Amino acid sequence: MDVAIMGIMIPIISIIGLFITIIYVRKFQNLERMAIIDKSLSPDIFKQESSSAGTLRGALLLMGAGLGLLMGYWLDRSFDMEEVGYFSMLFIFGGIGLGLAYLIEEKKAKK
């Protein structure tokens, strides 16, 4: 196939695949819920508690990744480390961000 055709087909197929995956996940969740209701079990297990833990984790991860990319850029310019600086700093600062999210969540849970 031509490169231009592949460049167009890959995003289209990816979007269609993601859409189908979401539909099937929702379908099977619905079937599972219907089976639980048919067995006369309590539907209270479907209620989800509103928690900001996922948002906190995502925010701190992205902030750490951004800081890691900035530090990687600085290492590349200062010491000519090329890709090694970017990837190492990205993972280090992303991990620090997730660690901070864990500590904040634990502190909130103790209160």
Protein backbone atom coordinates (compact mmCIF):
# COMPACT_ATOMS: atom_id res chain seq x y z
CA MET A 1 0.00 0.00 0.00
CA ASP A 2 1.00 3.57 -0.52
CA VAL A 3 2.33 5.51 2.47
CA ALA A 4 -0.33 8.22 2.08
CA ILE A 5 -3.13 5.65 2.18
CA MET A 6 -1.65 4.02 5.27
CA GLY A 7 -1.34 7.44 6.90
CA ILE A 8 -5.06 7.95 6.42
CA MET A 9 -6.19 4.42 7.26
CA ILE A 10 -4.36 4.03 10.61
CA PRO A 11 -6.20 6.87 12.45
CA ILE A 12 -9.54 5.85 10.94
CA ILE A 13 -9.14 2.21 11.96
CA SER A 14 -7.89 3.23 15.44
CA ILE A 15 -10.91 5.46 16.06
CA ILE A 16 -13.34 2.79 14.85
CA GLY A 17 -11.60 0.16 17.03
CA LEU A 18 -11.76 2.42 20.09
CA PHE A 19 -15.45 3.12 19.46
CA ILE A 20 -16.25 -0.61 19.14
CA THR A 21 -14.26 -1.38 22.30
CA ILE A 22 -16.21 1.22 24.29
CA ILE A 23 -19.52 -0.16 23.00
CA TYR A 24 -18.62 -3.74 23.98
CA VAL A 25 -17.39 -2.72 27.44
CA ARG A 26 -20.66 -0.88 28.09
CA LYS A 27 -22.67 -3.83 26.73
CA PHE A 28 -20.96 -6.33 29.03
CA GLN A 29 -21.29 -4.00 32.03
CA ASN A 30 -25.01 -3.80 31.34
CA LEU A 31 -25.29 -7.60 31.01
CA GLU A 32 -23.43 -8.05 34.29
CA ARG A 33 -25.70 -5.59 36.07
CA MET A 34 -28.81 -7.25 34.67
CA ALA A 35 -27.57 -10.66 35.87
CA ILE A 36 -26.97 -9.29 39.37
CA ILE A 37 -30.43 -7.72 39.45
CA ASP A 38 -32.00 -10.98 38.20
CA LYS A 39 -30.44 -12.80 41.15
CA SER A 40 -32.18 -10.34 43.50
CA LEU A 41 -28.97 -8.87 44.83
CA SER A 42 -28.66 -5.30 46.00
CA PRO A 43 -28.03 -2.76 43.23
CA ASP A 44 -26.10 -0.60 45.72
CA ILE A 45 -22.82 -2.04 44.43
CA PHE A 46 -23.28 0.01 41.25
CA LYS A 47 -23.03 3.34 43.05
CA GLN A 48 -19.63 4.91 42.73
CA GLU A 49 -18.19 7.22 45.31
CA SER A 50 -17.03 10.52 43.94
CA SER A 51 -13.32 10.71 44.51
CA SER A 52 -10.73 13.15 43.30
CA ALA A 53 -7.94 10.57 43.62
CA GLY A 54 -7.80 9.82 39.89
CA THR A 55 -7.73 13.48 39.01
CA LEU A 56 -4.99 14.14 41.54
CA ARG A 57 -2.92 11.24 40.22
CA GLY A 58 -3.34 12.37 36.63
CA ALA A 59 -2.53 15.97 37.40
CA LEU A 60 0.61 15.19 39.36
CA LEU A 61 1.73 12.64 36.77
CA LEU A 62 1.38 15.16 33.95
CA MET A 63 3.07 17.88 35.97
CA GLY A 64 5.94 15.52 36.75
CA ALA A 65 6.18 14.47 33.10
CA GLY A 66 6.27 18.10 32.00
CA LEU A 67 8.98 18.90 34.52
CA GLY A 68 10.84 15.78 33.40
CA LEU A 69 10.73 16.87 29.76
CA LEU A 70 11.99 20.31 30.78
CA MET A 71 14.87 18.77 32.74
CA GLY A 72 15.60 16.41 29.86
CA TYR A 73 15.82 19.39 27.52
CA TRP A 74 18.19 21.10 29.94
CA LEU A 75 20.38 17.97 30.17
CA ASP A 76 20.40 17.64 26.39
CA ARG A 77 21.51 21.25 25.93
CA SER A 78 24.01 21.28 28.79
CA PHE A 79 25.62 17.85 28.54
CA ASP A 80 24.60 16.66 25.04
CA MET A 81 22.83 13.56 26.40
CA GLU A 82 20.27 13.32 23.55
CA GLU A 83 17.38 10.88 24.12
CA VAL A 84 18.71 9.39 27.33
CA GLY A 85 18.11 12.60 29.26
CA TYR A 86 14.54 12.95 28.03
CA PHE A 87 13.40 9.42 28.83
CA SER A 88 15.17 9.14 32.17
CA MET A 89 13.90 12.49 33.44
CA LEU A 90 10.40 11.79 32.14
CA PHE A 91 10.20 8.52 34.09
CA ILE A 92 11.90 9.89 37.21
CA PHE A 93 9.71 12.97 37.53
CA GLY A 94 6.56 11.10 36.49
CA GLY A 95 7.28 8.59 39.26
CA ILE A 96 7.87 11.38 41.74
CA GLY A 97 4.50 12.86 40.76
CA LEU A 98 2.74 9.54 41.35
CA GLY A 99 4.56 9.13 44.66
CA LEU A 100 3.37 12.57 45.77
CA ALA A 101 -0.19 11.66 44.76
CA TYR A 102 0.06 8.52 46.89
CA LEU A 103 1.33 10.47 49.90
CA ILE A 104 -1.44 13.07 49.56
CA GLU A 105 -4.11 10.35 49.27
CA GLU A 106 -2.77 8.58 52.37
CA LYS A 107 -2.75 11.84 54.30
CA LYS A 108 -6.37 12.47 53.25
CA ALA A 109 -7.40 8.93 54.24
CA LYS A 110 -6.02 9.36 57.76
CA LYS A 111 -8.18 12.45 58.39
